[in-house]
Structures are given as C-alpha cells and as structure tokens.
Amino acid sequence: MKERHLTSLIKYVEEGGILETQNDVPKEFRERLYAKDQQSLEKRQTTTTSASTANIPPIHITNMLPGKSCQTYQSTTTPTLQTATPVTRLDIPGFRDITVKDYYTWQ
C-alpha cells in the first residue's frame, strides 16, 4: 500500500468512516487496490517473462501414467516382480495424524 492509499483511508476515517476490521474498508477502495496490484503483477510477469525467456527455448512437460504396454514390458523383462511377496498394510488404530504425532512425541 502506498502513501496515497493511506491518505485516502485517513480521509475516509476523518469523514466519519470506521475502520475496525478489514471488512470496514470501503468496497471501491479495495477494488482499486486489487486492480492496481493486478496491474503491477501483470507488468512484472511480462517483464520477467520477456527478459528471462529471450534466449531460452520453451520446455514442454507432459505427465502421463504408464500404459498397459509399460506394465506388460516390466512383467516380461523382470520375472522377480511377479514372484515378489505382497506388501502388507499396517493396521494403525485411530486417526493417523494423531497417532503419528503421538509416535513422534514418544520418540
């Protein structure tokens, strides 16, 4: 927030406005602040983007889950995966987050 914004709020209070909580700030004032902040953010992004990507080629990342062919390939090339023992799940009574905190405290 800049000095002119604070001056505007002071003037609002001097004219009888009340500023006890954030909700007491006039809607028009908040909208001006948000718009100014958005403009500043967009300006920084375009400046940063144009300066930093001027000499760098774009990077494309595609996240994909392995398909069925991937699983078939693994099972035919590594027979140890087929004979591995199944993983047993821990039976943790109660809520996990509380139990983990209790365990941490105990440790």
PDB file of N, CA and C in Angstrom:
ATOM      1  N   MET A   1       0.844  -1.157   0.000  1.00  0.00           N
ATOM      2  CA  MET A   1       0.000   0.000   0.000  1.00  0.00           C
ATOM      3  C   MET A   1       0.896   1.230   0.000  1.00  0.00           C
ATOM      4  N   LYS A   2       0.555   2.181  -0.851  1.00  0.00           N
ATOM      5  CA  LYS A   2       1.366   3.391  -0.962  1.00  0.00           C
ATOM      6  C   LYS A   2       0.802   4.506  -0.089  1.00  0.00           C
ATOM      7  N   GLU A   3       1.553   5.588  -0.005  1.00  0.00           N
ATOM      8  CA  GLU A   3       1.174   6.712   0.852  1.00  0.00           C
ATOM      9  C   GLU A   3      -0.177   7.298   0.446  1.00  0.00           C
ATOM     10  N   ARG A   4      -0.431   7.364  -0.850  1.00  0.00           N
ATOM     11  CA  ARG A   4      -1.718   7.940  -1.298  1.00  0.00           C
ATOM     12  C   ARG A   4      -2.892   7.070  -0.872  1.00  0.00           C
ATOM     13  N   HIS A   5      -2.660   5.750  -0.796  1.00  0.00           N
ATOM     14  CA  HIS A   5      -3.729   4.867  -0.329  1.00  0.00           C
ATOM     15  C   HIS A   5      -4.018   5.110   1.146  1.00  0.00           C
ATOM     16  N   LEU A   6      -2.953   5.241   1.938  1.00  0.00           N
ATOM     17  CA  LEU A   6      -3.128   5.516   3.359  1.00  0.00           C
ATOM     18  C   LEU A   6      -3.797   6.866   3.576  1.00  0.00           C
ATOM     19  N   THR A   7      -3.401   7.855   2.776  1.00  0.00           N
ATOM     20  CA  THR A   7      -4.014   9.178   2.877  1.00  0.00           C
ATOM     21  C   THR A   7      -5.501   9.096   2.591  1.00  0.00           C
ATOM     22  N   SER A   8      -5.861   8.300   1.609  1.00  0.00           N
ATOM     23  CA  SER A   8      -7.268   8.118   1.264  1.00  0.00           C
ATOM     24  C   SER A   8      -8.035   7.471   2.411  1.00  0.00           C
ATOM     25  N   LEU A   9      -7.430   6.489   3.073  1.00  0.00           N
ATOM     26  CA  LEU A   9      -8.083   5.844   4.215  1.00  0.00           C
ATOM     27  C   LEU A   9      -8.213   6.811   5.395  1.00  0.00           C
ATOM     28  N   ILE A  10      -7.188   7.630   5.616  1.00  0.00           N
ATOM     29  CA  ILE A  10      -7.240   8.617   6.702  1.00  0.00           C
ATOM     30  C   ILE A  10      -8.378   9.605   6.453  1.00  0.00           C
ATOM     31  N   LYS A  11      -8.507  10.039   5.221  1.00  0.00           N
ATOM     32  CA  LYS A  11      -9.579  10.962   4.865  1.00  0.00           C
ATOM     33  C   LYS A  11     -10.944  10.309   5.105  1.00  0.00           C
ATOM     34  N   TYR A  12     -11.049   9.023   4.772  1.00  0.00           N
ATOM     35  CA  TYR A  12     -12.297   8.281   4.990  1.00  0.00           C
ATOM     36  C   TYR A  12     -12.657   8.257   6.481  1.00  0.00           C
ATOM     37  N   VAL A  13     -11.673   8.037   7.342  1.00  0.00           N
ATOM     38  CA  VAL A  13     -11.911   7.994   8.790  1.00  0.00           C
ATOM     39  C   VAL A  13     -12.258   9.387   9.313  1.00  0.00           C
ATOM     40  N   GLU A  14     -11.560  10.401   8.826  1.00  0.00           N
ATOM     41  CA  GLU A  14     -11.832  11.773   9.267  1.00  0.00           C
ATOM     42  C   GLU A  14     -13.243  12.219   8.908  1.00  0.00           C
ATOM     43  N   GLU A  15     -13.789  11.656   7.839  1.00  0.00           N
ATOM     44  CA  GLU A  15     -15.150  11.998   7.413  1.00  0.00           C
ATOM     45  C   GLU A  15     -16.199  11.152   8.128  1.00  0.00           C
ATOM     46  N   GLY A  16     -15.773  10.359   9.117  1.00  0.00           N
ATOM     47  CA  GLY A  16     -16.717   9.600   9.916  1.00  0.00           C
ATOM     48  C   GLY A  16     -16.745   8.111   9.639  1.00  0.00           C
ATOM     49  N   GLY A  17     -15.925   7.643   8.725  1.00  0.00           N
ATOM     50  CA  GLY A  17     -15.864   6.217   8.431  1.00  0.00           C
ATOM     51  C   GLY A  17     -15.195   5.445   9.562  1.00  0.00           C
ATOM     52  N   ILE A  18     -15.547   4.189   9.693  1.00  0.00           N
ATOM     53  CA  ILE A  18     -14.991   3.353  10.760  1.00  0.00           C
ATOM     54  C   ILE A  18     -14.139   2.255  10.128  1.00  0.00           C
ATOM     55  N   LEU A  19     -12.944   2.057  10.675  1.00  0.00           N
ATOM     56  CA  LEU A  19     -12.034   1.013  10.194  1.00  0.00           C
ATOM     57  C   LEU A  19     -11.593   0.151  11.366  1.00  0.00           C
ATOM     58  N   GLU A  20     -12.448  -0.746  11.784  1.00  0.00           N
ATOM     59  CA  GLU A  20     -12.085  -1.647  12.872  1.00  0.00           C
ATOM     60  C   GLU A  20     -11.603  -3.000  12.350  1.00  0.00           C
ATOM     61  N   THR A  21     -12.144  -3.430  11.230  1.00  0.00           N
ATOM     62  CA  THR A  21     -11.725  -4.696  10.635  1.00  0.00           C
ATOM     63  C   THR A  21     -11.487  -4.484   9.145  1.00  0.00           C
ATOM     64  N   GLN A  22     -10.979  -5.501   8.499  1.00  0.00           N
ATOM     65  CA  GLN A  22     -10.733  -5.423   7.060  1.00  0.00           C
ATOM     66  C   GLN A  22     -12.040  -5.242   6.295  1.00  0.00           C
ATOM     67  N   ASN A  23     -13.119  -5.778   6.830  1.00  0.00           N
ATOM     68  CA  ASN A  23     -14.420  -5.657   6.164  1.00  0.00           C
ATOM     69  C   ASN A  23     -14.956  -4.226   6.180  1.00  0.00           C
ATOM     70  N   ASP A  24     -14.397  -3.353   7.031  1.00  0.00           N
ATOM     71  CA  ASP A  24     -14.843  -1.969   7.099  1.00  0.00           C
ATOM     72  C   ASP A  24     -14.247  -1.103   6.000  1.00  0.00           C
ATOM     73  N   VAL A  25     -13.240  -1.590   5.308  1.00  0.00           N
ATOM     74  CA  VAL A  25     -12.629  -0.831   4.215  1.00  0.00           C
ATOM     75  C   VAL A  25     -13.657  -0.731   3.088  1.00  0.00           C
ATOM     76  N   PRO A  26     -13.891   0.481   2.572  1.00  0.00           N
ATOM     77  CA  PRO A  26     -14.888   0.651   1.505  1.00  0.00           C
ATOM     78  C   PRO A  26     -14.581  -0.235   0.291  1.00  0.00           C
ATOM     79  N   LYS A  27     -15.652  -0.761  -0.301  1.00  0.00           N
ATOM     80  CA  LYS A  27     -15.522  -1.692  -1.424  1.00  0.00           C
ATOM     81  C   LYS A  27     -14.759  -1.063  -2.589  1.00  0.00           C
ATOM     82  N   GLU A  28     -15.055   0.199  -2.887  1.00  0.00           N
ATOM     83  CA  GLU A  28     -14.389   0.879  -4.012  1.00  0.00           C
ATOM     84  C   GLU A  28     -12.886   0.975  -3.775  1.00  0.00           C
ATOM     85  N   PHE A  29     -12.510   1.224  -2.524  1.00  0.00           N
ATOM     86  CA  PHE A  29     -11.093   1.332  -2.177  1.00  0.00           C
ATOM     87  C   PHE A  29     -10.396  -0.013  -2.380  1.00  0.00           C
ATOM     88  N   ARG A  30     -11.035  -1.094  -1.906  1.00  0.00           N
ATOM     89  CA  ARG A  30     -10.444  -2.432  -2.074  1.00  0.00           C
ATOM     90  C   ARG A  30     -10.317  -2.784  -3.546  1.00  0.00           C
ATOM     91  N   GLU A  31     -11.351  -2.454  -4.337  1.00  0.00           N
ATOM     92  CA  GLU A  31     -11.303  -2.767  -5.768  1.00  0.00           C
ATOM     93  C   GLU A  31     -10.166  -2.026  -6.454  1.00  0.00           C
ATOM     94  N   ARG A  32      -9.947  -0.751  -6.073  1.00  0.00           N
ATOM     95  CA  ARG A  32      -8.822  -0.008  -6.655  1.00  0.00           C
ATOM     96  C   ARG A  32      -7.488  -0.633  -6.280  1.00  0.00           C
ATOM     97  N   LEU A  33      -7.363  -1.061  -5.012  1.00  0.00           N
ATOM     98  CA  LEU A  33      -6.121  -1.707  -4.577  1.00  0.00           C
ATOM     99  C   LEU A  33      -5.882  -3.007  -5.329  1.00  0.00           C
ATOM    100  N   TYR A  34      -6.941  -3.830  -5.449  1.00  0.00           N
ATOM    101  CA  TYR A  34      -6.805  -5.103  -6.150  1.00  0.00           C
ATOM    102  C   TYR A  34      -6.449  -4.886  -7.616  1.00  0.00           C
ATOM    103  N   ALA A  35      -7.080  -3.907  -8.258  1.00  0.00           N
ATOM    104  CA  ALA A  35      -6.792  -3.630  -9.666  1.00  0.00           C
ATOM    105  C   ALA A  35      -5.340  -3.166  -9.834  1.00  0.00           C
ATOM    106  N   LYS A  36      -4.897  -2.281  -8.935  1.00  0.00           N
ATOM    107  CA  LYS A  36      -3.520  -1.797  -9.009  1.00  0.00           C
ATOM    108  C   LYS A  36      -2.527  -2.937  -8.784  1.00  0.00           C
ATOM    109  N   ASP A  37      -2.831  -3.798  -7.819  1.00  0.00           N
ATOM    110  CA  ASP A  37      -1.975  -4.942  -7.537  1.00  0.00           C
ATOM    111  C   ASP A  37      -1.928  -5.892  -8.734  1.00  0.00           C
ATOM    112  N   GLN A  38      -3.072  -6.117  -9.376  1.00  0.00           N
ATOM    113  CA  GLN A  38      -3.129  -6.999 -10.546  1.00  0.00           C
ATOM    114  C   GLN A  38      -2.311  -6.414 -11.693  1.00  0.00           C
ATOM    115  N   GLN A  39      -2.434  -5.114 -11.914  1.00  0.00           N
ATOM    116  CA  GLN A  39      -1.660  -4.462 -12.978  1.00  0.00           C
ATOM    117  C   GLN A  39      -0.159  -4.600 -12.703  1.00  0.00           C
ATOM    118  N   SER A  40       0.218  -4.386 -11.456  1.00  0.00           N
ATOM    119  CA  SER A  40       1.626  -4.492 -11.087  1.00  0.00           C
ATOM    120  C   SER A  40       2.133  -5.913 -11.305  1.00  0.00           C
ATOM    121  N   LEU A  41       1.329  -6.891 -10.925  1.00  0.00           N
ATOM    122  CA  LEU A  41       1.713  -8.292 -11.100  1.00  0.00           C
ATOM    123  C   LEU A  41       1.858  -8.643 -12.572  1.00  0.00           C
ATOM    124  N   GLU A  42       0.895  -8.211 -13.388  1.00  0.00           N
ATOM    125  CA  GLU A  42       0.965  -8.494 -14.825  1.00  0.00           C
ATOM    126  C   GLU A  42       2.183  -7.822 -15.458  1.00  0.00           C
ATOM    127  N   LYS A  43       2.475  -6.605 -15.034  1.00  0.00           N
ATOM    128  CA  LYS A  43       3.629  -5.892 -15.572  1.00  0.00           C
ATOM    129  C   LYS A  43       4.925  -6.623 -15.234  1.00  0.00           C
ATOM    130  N   ARG A  44       5.031  -7.090 -13.957  1.00  0.00           N
ATOM    131  CA  ARG A  44       6.227  -7.839 -13.548  1.00  0.00           C
ATOM    132  C   ARG A  44       6.354  -9.143 -14.318  1.00  0.00           C
ATOM    133  N   GLN A  45       5.221  -9.824 -14.536  1.00  0.00           N
ATOM    134  CA  GLN A  45       5.258 -11.105 -15.248  1.00  0.00           C
ATOM    135  C   GLN A  45       5.694 -10.917 -16.689  1.00  0.00           C
ATOM    136  N   THR A  46       5.167  -9.910 -17.374  1.00  0.00           N
ATOM    137  CA  THR A  46       5.560  -9.703 -18.764  1.00  0.00           C
ATOM    138  C   THR A  46       7.013  -9.270 -18.859  1.00  0.00           C
ATOM    139  N   THR A  47       7.467  -8.440 -17.926  1.00  0.00           N
ATOM    140  CA  THR A  47       8.867  -8.007 -17.923  1.00  0.00           C
ATOM    141  C   THR A  47       9.784  -9.187 -17.642  1.00  0.00           C
ATOM    142  N   THR A  48       9.446  -9.976 -16.642  1.00  0.00           N
ATOM    143  CA  THR A  48      10.259 -11.130 -16.270  1.00  0.00           C
ATOM    144  C   THR A  48      10.238 -12.174 -17.364  1.00  0.00           C
ATOM    145  N   THR A  49       9.066 -12.437 -17.921  1.00  0.00           N
ATOM    146  CA  THR A  49       8.934 -13.464 -18.954  1.00  0.00           C
ATOM    147  C   THR A  49       9.716 -13.077 -20.196  1.00  0.00           C
ATOM    148  N   SER A  50       9.577 -11.849 -20.654  1.00  0.00           N
ATOM    149  CA  SER A  50      10.268 -11.452 -21.877  1.00  0.00           C
ATOM    150  C   SER A  50      11.773 -11.406 -21.674  1.00  0.00           C
ATOM    151  N   ALA A  51      12.213 -10.988 -20.493  1.00  0.00           N
ATOM    152  CA  ALA A  51      13.656 -10.908 -20.247  1.00  0.00           C
ATOM    153  C   ALA A  51      14.276 -12.275 -20.018  1.00  0.00           C
ATOM    154  N   SER A  52      13.580 -13.138 -19.314  1.00  0.00           N
ATOM    155  CA  SER A  52      14.184 -14.417 -18.962  1.00  0.00           C
ATOM    156  C   SER A  52      14.066 -15.459 -20.062  1.00  0.00           C
ATOM    157  N   THR A  53      13.095 -15.345 -20.942  1.00  0.00           N
ATOM    158  CA  THR A  53      12.913 -16.352 -21.986  1.00  0.00           C
ATOM    159  C   THR A  53      13.399 -15.891 -23.344  1.00  0.00           C
ATOM    160  N   ALA A  54      14.114 -14.789 -23.379  1.00  0.00           N
ATOM    161  CA  ALA A  54      14.572 -14.271 -24.661  1.00  0.00           C
ATOM    162  C   ALA A  54      15.490 -15.254 -25.381  1.00  0.00           C
ATOM    163  N   ASN A  55      16.390 -15.920 -24.656  1.00  0.00           N
ATOM    164  CA  ASN A  55      17.359 -16.808 -25.282  1.00  0.00           C
ATOM    165  C   ASN A  55      17.163 -18.274 -24.941  1.00  0.00           C
ATOM    166  N   ILE A  56      16.079 -18.595 -24.253  1.00  0.00           N
ATOM    167  CA  ILE A  56      15.867 -19.967 -23.808  1.00  0.00           C
ATOM    168  C   ILE A  56      14.705 -20.584 -24.570  1.00  0.00           C
ATOM    169  N   PRO A  57      14.918 -21.758 -25.157  1.00  0.00           N
ATOM    170  CA  PRO A  57      13.799 -22.406 -25.855  1.00  0.00           C
ATOM    171  C   PRO A  57      12.761 -22.903 -24.847  1.00  0.00           C
ATOM    172  N   PRO A  58      11.502 -22.995 -25.262  1.00  0.00           N
ATOM    173  CA  PRO A  58      10.464 -23.435 -24.330  1.00  0.00           C
ATOM    174  C   PRO A  58      10.635 -24.900 -23.939  1.00  0.00           C
ATOM    175  N   ILE A  59      10.183 -25.228 -22.745  1.00  0.00           N
ATOM    176  CA  ILE A  59      10.231 -26.600 -22.247  1.00  0.00           C
ATOM    177  C   ILE A  59       8.803 -27.106 -22.146  1.00  0.00           C
ATOM    178  N   HIS A  60       8.534 -28.252 -22.739  1.00  0.00           N
ATOM    179  CA  HIS A  60       7.209 -28.845 -22.681  1.00  0.00           C
ATOM    180  C   HIS A  60       7.285 -30.107 -21.835  1.00  0.00           C
ATOM    181  N   ILE A  61       6.485 -30.151 -20.771  1.00  0.00           N
ATOM    182  CA  ILE A  61       6.462 -31.306 -19.884  1.00  0.00           C
ATOM    183  C   ILE A  61       5.085 -31.941 -19.965  1.00  0.00           C
ATOM    184  N   THR A  62       5.054 -33.231 -20.236  1.00  0.00           N
ATOM    185  CA  THR A  62       3.802 -33.962 -20.298  1.00  0.00           C
ATOM    186  C   THR A  62       3.844 -35.061 -19.256  1.00  0.00           C
ATOM    187  N   ASN A  63       2.929 -35.002 -18.308  1.00  0.00           N
ATOM    188  CA  ASN A  63       2.847 -36.029 -17.281  1.00  0.00           C
ATOM    189  C   ASN A  63       1.840 -37.084 -17.715  1.00  0.00           C
ATOM    190  N   MET A  64       2.295 -38.321 -17.757  1.00  0.00           N
ATOM    191  CA  MET A  64       1.416 -39.413 -18.172  1.00  0.00           C
ATOM    192  C   MET A  64       1.638 -40.604 -17.252  1.00  0.00           C
ATOM    193  N   LEU A  65       0.576 -41.317 -16.981  1.00  0.00           N
ATOM    194  CA  LEU A  65       0.701 -42.562 -16.247  1.00  0.00           C
ATOM    195  C   LEU A  65       1.138 -43.643 -17.222  1.00  0.00           C
ATOM    196  N   PRO A  66       1.890 -44.630 -16.772  1.00  0.00           N
ATOM    197  CA  PRO A  66       2.295 -45.685 -17.695  1.00  0.00           C
ATOM    198  C   PRO A  66       1.078 -46.443 -18.197  1.00  0.00           C
ATOM    199  N   GLY A  67       1.113 -46.766 -19.447  1.00  0.00           N
ATOM    200  CA  GLY A  67       0.012 -47.500 -20.049  1.00  0.00           C
ATOM    201  C   GLY A  67       0.149 -48.997 -19.840  1.00  0.00           C
ATOM    202  N   LYS A  68      -0.749 -49.752 -20.434  1.00  0.00           N
ATOM    203  CA  LYS A  68      -0.755 -51.206 -20.275  1.00  0.00           C
ATOM    204  C   LYS A  68       0.511 -51.823 -20.865  1.00  0.00           C
ATOM    205  N   SER A  69       0.996 -51.257 -21.969  1.00  0.00           N
ATOM    206  CA  SER A  69       2.197 -51.809 -22.601  1.00  0.00           C
ATOM    207  C   SER A  69       3.399 -51.703 -21.671  1.00  0.00           C
ATOM    208  N   CYS A  70       3.437 -50.667 -20.856  1.00  0.00           N
ATOM    209  CA  CYS A  70       4.536 -50.488 -19.913  1.00  0.00           C
ATOM    210  C   CYS A  70       4.528 -51.598 -18.859  1.00  0.00           C
ATOM    211  N   GLN A  71       3.357 -51.951 -18.374  1.00  0.00           N
ATOM    212  CA  GLN A  71       3.248 -52.992 -17.372  1.00  0.00           C
ATOM    213  C   GLN A  71       3.599 -54.356 -17.966  1.00  0.00           C
ATOM    214  N   THR A  72       3.165 -54.608 -19.187  1.00  0.00           N
ATOM    215  CA  THR A  72       3.483 -55.870 -19.846  1.00  0.00           C
ATOM    216  C   THR A  72       4.983 -55.991 -20.036  1.00  0.00           C
ATOM    217  N   TYR A  73       5.618 -54.897 -20.433  1.00  0.00           N
ATOM    218  CA  TYR A  73       7.050 -54.909 -20.643  1.00  0.00           C
ATOM    219  C   TYR A  73       7.783 -55.240 -19.347  1.00  0.00           C
ATOM    220  N   GLN A  74       7.362 -54.632 -18.246  1.00  0.00           N
ATOM    221  CA  GLN A  74       8.017 -54.897 -16.971  1.00  0.00           C
ATOM    222  C   GLN A  74       7.843 -56.345 -16.545  1.00  0.00           C
ATOM    223  N   SER A  75       6.656 -56.881 -16.703  1.00  0.00           N
ATOM    224  CA  SER A  75       6.417 -58.235 -16.220  1.00  0.00           C
ATOM    225  C   SER A  75       7.148 -59.275 -17.069  1.00  0.00           C
ATOM    226  N   THR A  76       7.391 -58.984 -18.356  1.00  0.00           N
ATOM    227  CA  THR A  76       8.101 -59.957 -19.179  1.00  0.00           C
ATOM    228  C   THR A  76       9.604 -59.833 -19.037  1.00  0.00           C
ATOM    229  N   THR A  77      10.088 -58.651 -18.704  1.00  0.00           N
ATOM    230  CA  THR A  77      11.542 -58.483 -18.624  1.00  0.00           C
ATOM    231  C   THR A  77      12.080 -58.716 -17.219  1.00  0.00           C
ATOM    232  N   THR A  78      11.251 -58.565 -16.204  1.00  0.00           N
ATOM    233  CA  THR A  78      11.720 -58.753 -14.838  1.00  0.00           C
ATOM    234  C   THR A  78      10.800 -59.737 -14.121  1.00  0.00           C
ATOM    235  N   PRO A  79      11.103 -61.022 -14.205  1.00  0.00           N
ATOM    236  CA  PRO A  79      10.229 -62.011 -13.584  1.00  0.00           C
ATOM    237  C   PRO A  79      10.198 -61.913 -12.067  1.00  0.00           C
ATOM    238  N   THR A  80      11.158 -61.230 -11.450  1.00  0.00           N
ATOM    239  CA  THR A  80      11.142 -61.113  -9.997  1.00  0.00           C
ATOM    240  C   THR A  80       9.956 -60.289  -9.510  1.00  0.00           C
ATOM    241  N   LEU A  81       9.436 -59.420 -10.351  1.00  0.00           N
ATOM    242  CA  LEU A  81       8.276 -58.637  -9.946  1.00  0.00           C
ATOM    243  C   LEU A  81       7.053 -59.531  -9.756  1.00  0.00           C
ATOM    244  N   GLN A  82       6.953 -60.588 -10.542  1.00  0.00           N
ATOM    245  CA  GLN A  82       5.795 -61.470 -10.453  1.00  0.00           C
ATOM    246  C   GLN A  82       5.853 -62.325  -9.189  1.00  0.00           C
ATOM    247  N   THR A  83       7.030 -62.655  -8.713  1.00  0.00           N
ATOM    248  CA  THR A  83       7.157 -63.547  -7.567  1.00  0.00           C
ATOM    249  C   THR A  83       7.400 -62.790  -6.264  1.00  0.00           C
ATOM    250  N   ALA A  84       7.384 -61.458  -6.305  1.00  0.00           N
ATOM    251  CA  ALA A  84       7.636 -60.683  -5.093  1.00  0.00           C
ATOM    252  C   ALA A  84       6.496 -60.891  -4.099  1.00  0.00           C
ATOM    253  N   THR A  85       6.844 -60.838  -2.834  1.00  0.00           N
ATOM    254  CA  THR A  85       5.813 -61.012  -1.810  1.00  0.00           C
ATOM    255  C   THR A  85       4.940 -59.771  -1.737  1.00  0.00           C
ATOM    256  N   PRO A  86       3.653 -59.947  -1.499  1.00  0.00           N
ATOM    257  CA  PRO A  86       2.768 -58.785  -1.440  1.00  0.00           C
ATOM    258  C   PRO A  86       3.078 -57.927  -0.202  1.00  0.00           C
ATOM    259  N   VAL A  87       2.862 -56.669  -0.342  1.00  0.00           N
ATOM    260  CA  VAL A  87       3.115 -55.732   0.745  1.00  0.00           C
ATOM    261  C   VAL A  87       1.915 -55.748   1.678  1.00  0.00           C
ATOM    262  N   THR A  88       2.169 -55.911   2.956  1.00  0.00           N
ATOM    263  CA  THR A  88       1.074 -55.894   3.913  1.00  0.00           C
ATOM    264  C   THR A  88       0.932 -54.483   4.470  1.00  0.00           C
ATOM    265  N   ARG A  89      -0.305 -54.045   4.632  1.00  0.00           N
ATOM    266  CA  ARG A  89      -0.572 -52.707   5.142  1.00  0.00           C
ATOM    267  C   ARG A  89      -0.530 -52.726   6.662  1.00  0.00           C
ATOM    268  N   LEU A  90      -0.046 -51.672   7.225  1.00  0.00           N
ATOM    269  CA  LEU A  90      -0.016 -51.540   8.669  1.00  0.00           C
ATOM    270  C   LEU A  90      -1.426 -51.253   9.179  1.00  0.00           C
ATOM    271  N   ASP A  91      -1.788 -51.878  10.262  1.00  0.00           N
ATOM    272  CA  ASP A  91      -3.072 -51.615  10.881  1.00  0.00           C
ATOM    273  C   ASP A  91      -2.847 -50.622  12.003  1.00  0.00           C
ATOM    274  N   ILE A  92      -3.098 -49.339  11.713  1.00  0.00           N
ATOM    275  CA  ILE A  92      -2.876 -48.281  12.682  1.00  0.00           C
ATOM    276  C   ILE A  92      -4.244 -47.886  13.237  1.00  0.00           C
ATOM    277  N   PRO A  93      -4.484 -48.156  14.514  1.00  0.00           N
ATOM    278  CA  PRO A  93      -5.788 -47.814  15.076  1.00  0.00           C
ATOM    279  C   PRO A  93      -5.932 -46.303  15.276  1.00  0.00           C
ATOM    280  N   GLY A  94      -7.117 -45.798  15.095  1.00  0.00           N
ATOM    281  CA  GLY A  94      -7.381 -44.373  15.314  1.00  0.00           C
ATOM    282  C   GLY A  94      -7.010 -43.526  14.116  1.00  0.00           C
ATOM    283  N   PHE A  95      -6.996 -42.235  14.329  1.00  0.00           N
ATOM    284  CA  PHE A  95      -6.652 -41.303  13.255  1.00  0.00           C
ATOM    285  C   PHE A  95      -5.138 -41.297  13.065  1.00  0.00           C
ATOM    286  N   ARG A  96      -4.707 -41.363  11.815  1.00  0.00           N
ATOM    287  CA  ARG A  96      -3.273 -41.449  11.528  1.00  0.00           C
ATOM    288  C   ARG A  96      -2.509 -40.224  11.994  1.00  0.00           C
ATOM    289  N   ASP A  97      -3.075 -39.025  11.762  1.00  0.00           N
ATOM    290  CA  ASP A  97      -2.330 -37.829  12.126  1.00  0.00           C
ATOM    291  C   ASP A  97      -2.084 -37.756  13.628  1.00  0.00           C
ATOM    292  N   ILE A  98      -3.086 -38.136  14.412  1.00  0.00           N
ATOM    293  CA  ILE A  98      -2.913 -38.123  15.870  1.00  0.00           C
ATOM    294  C   ILE A  98      -1.926 -39.204  16.299  1.00  0.00           C
ATOM    295  N   THR A  99      -2.047 -40.387  15.697  1.00  0.00           N
ATOM    296  CA  THR A  99      -1.152 -41.487  16.036  1.00  0.00           C
ATOM    297  C   THR A  99       0.292 -41.145  15.676  1.00  0.00           C
ATOM    298  N   VAL A 100       0.500 -40.515  14.538  1.00  0.00           N
ATOM    299  CA  VAL A 100       1.852 -40.129  14.123  1.00  0.00           C
ATOM    300  C   VAL A 100       2.419 -39.088  15.092  1.00  0.00           C
ATOM    301  N   LYS A 101       1.597 -38.127  15.526  1.00  0.00           N
ATOM    302  CA  LYS A 101       2.070 -37.126  16.491  1.00  0.00           C
ATOM    303  C   LYS A 101       2.420 -37.789  17.820  1.00  0.00           C
ATOM    304  N   ASP A 102       1.589 -38.723  18.254  1.00  0.00           N
ATOM    305  CA  ASP A 102       1.885 -39.446  19.495  1.00  0.00           C
ATOM    306  C   ASP A 102       3.197 -40.239  19.374  1.00  0.00           C
ATOM    307  N   TYR A 103       3.399 -40.874  18.227  1.00  0.00           N
ATOM    308  CA  TYR A 103       4.628 -41.629  17.989  1.00  0.00           C
ATOM    309  C   TYR A 103       5.839 -40.695  17.994  1.00  0.00           C
ATOM    310  N   TYR A 104       5.684 -39.541  17.359  1.00  0.00           N
ATOM    311  CA  TYR A 104       6.752 -38.546  17.317  1.00  0.00           C
ATOM    312  C   TYR A 104       7.096 -38.117  18.744  1.00  0.00           C
ATOM    313  N   THR A 105       6.095 -37.840  19.553  1.00  0.00           N
ATOM    314  CA  THR A 105       6.332 -37.422  20.929  1.00  0.00           C
ATOM    315  C   THR A 105       7.027 -38.533  21.704  1.00  0.00           C
ATOM    316  N   TRP A 106       6.598 -39.746  21.484  1.00  0.00           N
ATOM    317  CA  TRP A 106       7.204 -40.888  22.166  1.00  0.00           C
ATOM    318  C   TRP A 106       8.675 -41.036  21.798  1.00  0.00           C
ATOM    319  N   GLN A 107       8.987 -40.817  20.509  1.00  0.00           N
ATOM    320  CA  GLN A 107      10.370 -40.929  20.066  1.00  0.00           C
ATOM    321  C   GLN A 107      11.215 -39.840  20.669  1.00  0.00           C
TER     322      GLN A 107
END
